[in-house]
């Protein structure tokens, strides 16, 4: 006859079986949630963040509004988004690409649009003004210069990256 000390009772067997099945089902429900939460963190940024905007020989000393598209990723949703830049050469013949977003409250600035302030970037929302180099004019609402885009020149083509804050007034 078998030793009763090493035998598992019917109650213990059912308890172990139900605990194992419940744990397996719980893990099967939680694993996809953990995957959804961790997956965006594991995706790296794209290596090519620069986008073609225009040929370098088209750039003048007068600011030109150029619209271009960038890839945007929100979680798992990828889309193309329009961006705008004011592109021109400054008095030192250096290329400057400025963001048209006012640093005061995010309105859109325009070049040479106000007759009272010629040759300036002007924000109509709160009378924000910037000089031709995008530096905010003291006494107006903006507290910092217009952001400038990083850029590269490849084979005579202007490629813009991300807009970054600049130091200034």
C-alpha atoms as a PDB file:
ATOM      1  CA  UNK A   1       0.000   0.000   0.000  1.00  0.00           C
ATOM      2  CA  UNK A   2       1.251   3.522  -0.888  1.00  0.00           C
ATOM      3  CA  UNK A   3       2.451   5.969   1.737  1.00  0.00           C
ATOM      4  CA  UNK A   4      -0.335   8.453   2.529  1.00  0.00           C
ATOM      5  CA  UNK A   5       2.129  11.175   3.656  1.00  0.00           C
ATOM      6  CA  UNK A   6       3.324  11.902   0.094  1.00  0.00           C
ATOM      7  CA  UNK A   7      -0.092  11.807  -1.519  1.00  0.00           C
ATOM      8  CA  UNK A   8      -1.856  14.967  -2.571  1.00  0.00           C
ATOM      9  CA  UNK A   9      -5.429  15.225  -1.464  1.00  0.00           C
ATOM     10  CA  UNK A  10      -8.169  15.924  -3.949  1.00  0.00           C
ATOM     11  CA  UNK A  11      -8.674  19.371  -2.368  1.00  0.00           C
ATOM     12  CA  UNK A  12      -4.952  20.254  -2.670  1.00  0.00           C
ATOM     13  CA  UNK A  13      -4.860  19.071  -6.290  1.00  0.00           C
ATOM     14  CA  UNK A  14      -7.817  21.280  -7.241  1.00  0.00           C
ATOM     15  CA  UNK A  15      -6.314  24.215  -5.326  1.00  0.00           C
ATOM     16  CA  UNK A  16      -2.944  23.886  -7.136  1.00  0.00           C
ATOM     17  CA  UNK A  17      -4.620  23.409 -10.517  1.00  0.00           C
ATOM     18  CA  UNK A  18      -6.954  26.400 -10.167  1.00  0.00           C
ATOM     19  CA  UNK A  19      -4.120  28.612  -8.863  1.00  0.00           C
ATOM     20  CA  UNK A  20      -1.912  27.668 -11.833  1.00  0.00           C
ATOM     21  CA  UNK A  21      -4.676  28.193 -14.397  1.00  0.00           C
ATOM     22  CA  UNK A  22      -5.672  31.529 -12.797  1.00  0.00           C
ATOM     23  CA  UNK A  23      -2.056  32.736 -12.799  1.00  0.00           C
ATOM     24  CA  UNK A  24      -1.631  31.730 -16.437  1.00  0.00           C
ATOM     25  CA  UNK A  25      -4.825  33.569 -17.438  1.00  0.00           C
ATOM     26  CA  UNK A  26      -3.824  36.656 -15.451  1.00  0.00           C
ATOM     27  CA  UNK A  27      -0.393  36.735 -17.122  1.00  0.00           C
ATOM     28  CA  UNK A  28      -2.037  36.283 -20.544  1.00  0.00           C
ATOM     29  CA  UNK A  29      -4.216  39.355 -19.877  1.00  0.00           C
ATOM     30  CA  UNK A  30      -1.440  41.581 -18.503  1.00  0.00           C
ATOM     31  CA  UNK A  31       1.315  40.755 -21.034  1.00  0.00           C
ATOM     32  CA  UNK A  32      -0.278  42.665 -23.977  1.00  0.00           C
ATOM     33  CA  UNK A  33      -0.859  45.709 -21.750  1.00  0.00           C
ATOM     34  CA  UNK A  34       2.794  45.756 -20.725  1.00  0.00           C
ATOM     35  CA  UNK A  35       3.776  45.376 -24.386  1.00  0.00           C
ATOM     36  CA  UNK A  36       1.626  48.346 -25.416  1.00  0.00           C
ATOM     37  CA  UNK A  37       3.106  50.485 -22.642  1.00  0.00           C
ATOM     38  CA  UNK A  38       6.745  49.594 -23.336  1.00  0.00           C
ATOM     39  CA  UNK A  39       6.727  49.438 -27.159  1.00  0.00           C
ATOM     40  CA  UNK A  40       6.840  53.235 -27.824  1.00  0.00           C
ATOM     41  CA  UNK A  41       9.786  53.539 -25.450  1.00  0.00           C
ATOM     42  CA  UNK A  42      11.752  50.953 -27.407  1.00  0.00           C
ATOM     43  CA  UNK A  43      11.249  52.684 -30.763  1.00  0.00           C
ATOM     44  CA  UNK A  44      14.132  55.007 -31.555  1.00  0.00           C
ATOM     45  CA  UNK A  45      13.931  58.309 -33.388  1.00  0.00           C
ATOM     46  CA  UNK A  46      14.605  58.410 -37.091  1.00  0.00           C
ATOM     47  CA  UNK A  47      18.172  59.001 -38.184  1.00  0.00           C
ATOM     48  CA  UNK A  48      17.127  61.325 -41.005  1.00  0.00           C
ATOM     49  CA  UNK A  49      15.396  64.251 -39.361  1.00  0.00           C
ATOM     50  CA  UNK A  50      16.296  66.690 -42.149  1.00  0.00           C
ATOM     51  CA  UNK A  51      13.756  67.466 -44.880  1.00  0.00           C
ATOM     52  CA  UNK A  52      14.304  69.054 -48.297  1.00  0.00           C
ATOM     53  CA  UNK A  53      12.877  72.586 -48.488  1.00  0.00           C
ATOM     54  CA  UNK A  54      14.425  74.353 -51.492  1.00  0.00           C
ATOM     55  CA  UNK A  55      17.531  74.709 -53.644  1.00  0.00           C
ATOM     56  CA  UNK A  56      20.246  76.936 -52.189  1.00  0.00           C
ATOM     57  CA  UNK A  57      20.454  79.050 -55.357  1.00  0.00           C
ATOM     58  CA  UNK A  58      16.788  80.105 -54.828  1.00  0.00           C
ATOM     59  CA  UNK A  59      17.535  81.737 -51.460  1.00  0.00           C
ATOM     60  CA  UNK A  60      17.434  85.539 -51.555  1.00  0.00           C
ATOM     61  CA  UNK A  61      18.084  88.337 -49.066  1.00  0.00           C
ATOM     62  CA  UNK A  62      14.333  88.840 -48.675  1.00  0.00           C
ATOM     63  CA  UNK A  63      12.622  86.321 -46.318  1.00  0.00           C
ATOM     64  CA  UNK A  64      10.586  83.729 -48.220  1.00  0.00           C
ATOM     65  CA  UNK A  65       7.878  81.613 -46.620  1.00  0.00           C
ATOM     66  CA  UNK A  66       8.516  77.943 -47.370  1.00  0.00           C
ATOM     67  CA  UNK A  67       6.178  75.120 -46.396  1.00  0.00           C
ATOM     68  CA  UNK A  68       7.440  71.554 -46.064  1.00  0.00           C
ATOM     69  CA  UNK A  69       6.222  68.279 -44.580  1.00  0.00           C
ATOM     70  CA  UNK A  70       7.735  66.228 -41.781  1.00  0.00           C
ATOM     71  CA  UNK A  71       6.864  62.770 -40.497  1.00  0.00           C
ATOM     72  CA  UNK A  72       5.221  62.861 -37.089  1.00  0.00           C
ATOM     73  CA  UNK A  73       4.772  59.855 -34.821  1.00  0.00           C
ATOM     74  CA  UNK A  74       2.201  59.944 -32.015  1.00  0.00           C
ATOM     75  CA  UNK A  75       2.445  56.597 -30.259  1.00  0.00           C
ATOM     76  CA  UNK A  76       1.603  54.221 -33.081  1.00  0.00           C
ATOM     77  CA  UNK A  77       0.001  56.785 -35.398  1.00  0.00           C
ATOM     78  CA  UNK A  78       2.303  58.112 -38.105  1.00  0.00           C
ATOM     79  CA  UNK A  79       1.320  61.115 -40.234  1.00  0.00           C
ATOM     80  CA  UNK A  80       2.762  63.921 -42.330  1.00  0.00           C
ATOM     81  CA  UNK A  81       2.517  67.402 -40.829  1.00  0.00           C
ATOM     82  CA  UNK A  82       3.045  70.750 -42.559  1.00  0.00           C
ATOM     83  CA  UNK A  83       5.746  73.046 -41.168  1.00  0.00           C
ATOM     84  CA  UNK A  84       6.674  76.534 -42.319  1.00  0.00           C
ATOM     85  CA  UNK A  85       9.953  78.442 -42.266  1.00  0.00           C
ATOM     86  CA  UNK A  86      11.095  81.917 -43.235  1.00  0.00           C
ATOM     87  CA  UNK A  87      14.248  81.273 -45.287  1.00  0.00           C
ATOM     88  CA  UNK A  88      16.715  83.958 -46.447  1.00  0.00           C
ATOM     89  CA  UNK A  89      20.313  85.141 -46.348  1.00  0.00           C
ATOM     90  CA  UNK A  90      21.240  87.742 -43.733  1.00  0.00           C
ATOM     91  CA  UNK A  91      23.556  90.729 -44.226  1.00  0.00           C
ATOM     92  CA  UNK A  92      26.594  88.425 -43.785  1.00  0.00           C
ATOM     93  CA  UNK A  93      25.284  86.242 -46.646  1.00  0.00           C
ATOM     94  CA  UNK A  94      24.601  83.395 -44.193  1.00  0.00           C
ATOM     95  CA  UNK A  95      21.464  81.283 -44.497  1.00  0.00           C
ATOM     96  CA  UNK A  96      18.850  81.765 -41.802  1.00  0.00           C
ATOM     97  CA  UNK A  97      15.690  79.670 -41.446  1.00  0.00           C
ATOM     98  CA  UNK A  98      13.291  80.987 -38.817  1.00  0.00           C
ATOM     99  CA  UNK A  99      10.186  79.436 -37.355  1.00  0.00           C
ATOM    100  CA  UNK A 100       7.058  81.565 -37.906  1.00  0.00           C
ATOM    101  CA  UNK A 101       5.735  80.716 -34.429  1.00  0.00           C
ATOM    102  CA  UNK A 102       5.667  83.760 -32.143  1.00  0.00           C
ATOM    103  CA  UNK A 103       7.513  83.098 -28.898  1.00  0.00           C
ATOM    104  CA  UNK A 104       4.909  85.083 -26.949  1.00  0.00           C
ATOM    105  CA  UNK A 105       1.785  82.926 -27.328  1.00  0.00           C
ATOM    106  CA  UNK A 106       2.374  80.795 -30.426  1.00  0.00           C
ATOM    107  CA  UNK A 107       0.595  82.871 -33.069  1.00  0.00           C
ATOM    108  CA  UNK A 108       2.003  83.033 -36.602  1.00  0.00           C
ATOM    109  CA  UNK A 109       4.300  85.908 -37.541  1.00  0.00           C
ATOM    110  CA  UNK A 110       4.475  87.384 -41.004  1.00  0.00           C
ATOM    111  CA  UNK A 111       7.220  89.309 -42.785  1.00  0.00           C
ATOM    112  CA  UNK A 112       6.709  92.958 -43.742  1.00  0.00           C
ATOM    113  CA  UNK A 113       2.929  92.759 -43.238  1.00  0.00           C
ATOM    114  CA  UNK A 114       2.419  95.845 -41.065  1.00  0.00           C
ATOM    115  CA  UNK A 115       2.822  99.214 -42.789  1.00  0.00           C
ATOM    116  CA  UNK A 116       3.696 100.908 -39.489  1.00  0.00           C
ATOM    117  CA  UNK A 117       6.686  98.560 -39.000  1.00  0.00           C
ATOM    118  CA  UNK A 118       8.283  97.836 -42.399  1.00  0.00           C
ATOM    119  CA  UNK A 119      10.973  95.173 -42.796  1.00  0.00           C
ATOM    120  CA  UNK A 120      10.047  93.436 -39.567  1.00  0.00           C
ATOM    121  CA  UNK A 121       8.412  90.178 -38.586  1.00  0.00           C
ATOM    122  CA  UNK A 122       5.048  91.088 -37.084  1.00  0.00           C
ATOM    123  CA  UNK A 123       2.603  89.091 -34.959  1.00  0.00           C
ATOM    124  CA  UNK A 124      -0.917  90.556 -35.237  1.00  0.00           C
ATOM    125  CA  UNK A 125      -2.269  88.794 -32.133  1.00  0.00           C
ATOM    126  CA  UNK A 126      -0.607  91.046 -29.560  1.00  0.00           C
ATOM    127  CA  UNK A 127       1.570  93.377 -31.664  1.00  0.00           C
ATOM    128  CA  UNK A 128       4.685  91.257 -31.291  1.00  0.00           C
ATOM    129  CA  UNK A 129       7.609  92.497 -33.376  1.00  0.00           C
ATOM    130  CA  UNK A 130      10.949  91.039 -34.429  1.00  0.00           C
ATOM    131  CA  UNK A 131      13.746  92.588 -36.497  1.00  0.00           C
ATOM    132  CA  UNK A 132      14.897  91.003 -39.766  1.00  0.00           C
ATOM    133  CA  UNK A 133      17.167  88.584 -37.883  1.00  0.00           C
ATOM    134  CA  UNK A 134      14.216  87.352 -35.835  1.00  0.00           C
ATOM    135  CA  UNK A 135      15.338  89.051 -32.634  1.00  0.00           C
ATOM    136  CA  UNK A 136      12.471  90.330 -30.507  1.00  0.00           C
ATOM    137  CA  UNK A 137      12.208  94.109 -30.242  1.00  0.00           C
ATOM    138  CA  UNK A 138      12.332  95.358 -26.627  1.00  0.00           C
ATOM    139  CA  UNK A 139       9.041  96.733 -25.336  1.00  0.00           C
ATOM    140  CA  UNK A 140       6.939  94.270 -27.336  1.00  0.00           C
ATOM    141  CA  UNK A 141       5.308  91.120 -25.880  1.00  0.00           C
ATOM    142  CA  UNK A 142       7.781  88.441 -27.119  1.00  0.00           C
ATOM    143  CA  UNK A 143      10.461  87.652 -24.547  1.00  0.00           C
ATOM    144  CA  UNK A 144      12.822  85.748 -26.827  1.00  0.00           C
ATOM    145  CA  UNK A 145      13.845  85.631 -30.522  1.00  0.00           C
ATOM    146  CA  UNK A 146      12.084  83.494 -33.105  1.00  0.00           C
ATOM    147  CA  UNK A 147      13.357  79.933 -33.037  1.00  0.00           C
ATOM    148  CA  UNK A 148      15.663  78.907 -35.872  1.00  0.00           C
ATOM    149  CA  UNK A 149      15.749  75.633 -37.745  1.00  0.00           C
ATOM    150  CA  UNK A 150      18.866  73.490 -37.832  1.00  0.00           C
ATOM    151  CA  UNK A 151      19.872  73.070 -41.448  1.00  0.00           C
ATOM    152  CA  UNK A 152      22.242  71.189 -43.709  1.00  0.00           C
ATOM    153  CA  UNK A 153      23.208  71.766 -47.309  1.00  0.00           C
ATOM    154  CA  UNK A 154      23.441  68.589 -49.376  1.00  0.00           C
ATOM    155  CA  UNK A 155      24.181  68.714 -53.108  1.00  0.00           C
ATOM    156  CA  UNK A 156      22.965  72.320 -53.365  1.00  0.00           C
ATOM    157  CA  UNK A 157      19.722  71.578 -51.516  1.00  0.00           C
ATOM    158  CA  UNK A 158      18.645  73.163 -48.229  1.00  0.00           C
ATOM    159  CA  UNK A 159      17.571  70.533 -45.699  1.00  0.00           C
ATOM    160  CA  UNK A 160      15.831  71.709 -42.505  1.00  0.00           C
ATOM    161  CA  UNK A 161      15.780  69.893 -39.179  1.00  0.00           C
ATOM    162  CA  UNK A 162      14.083  70.861 -35.940  1.00  0.00           C
ATOM    163  CA  UNK A 163      13.441  74.399 -34.719  1.00  0.00           C
ATOM    164  CA  UNK A 164      15.443  75.339 -31.634  1.00  0.00           C
ATOM    165  CA  UNK A 165      15.494  78.326 -29.317  1.00  0.00           C
ATOM    166  CA  UNK A 166      18.180  80.961 -29.835  1.00  0.00           C
ATOM    167  CA  UNK A 167      19.859  83.402 -27.505  1.00  0.00           C
ATOM    168  CA  UNK A 168      19.076  87.063 -27.991  1.00  0.00           C
ATOM    169  CA  UNK A 169      17.314  90.054 -26.493  1.00  0.00           C
END
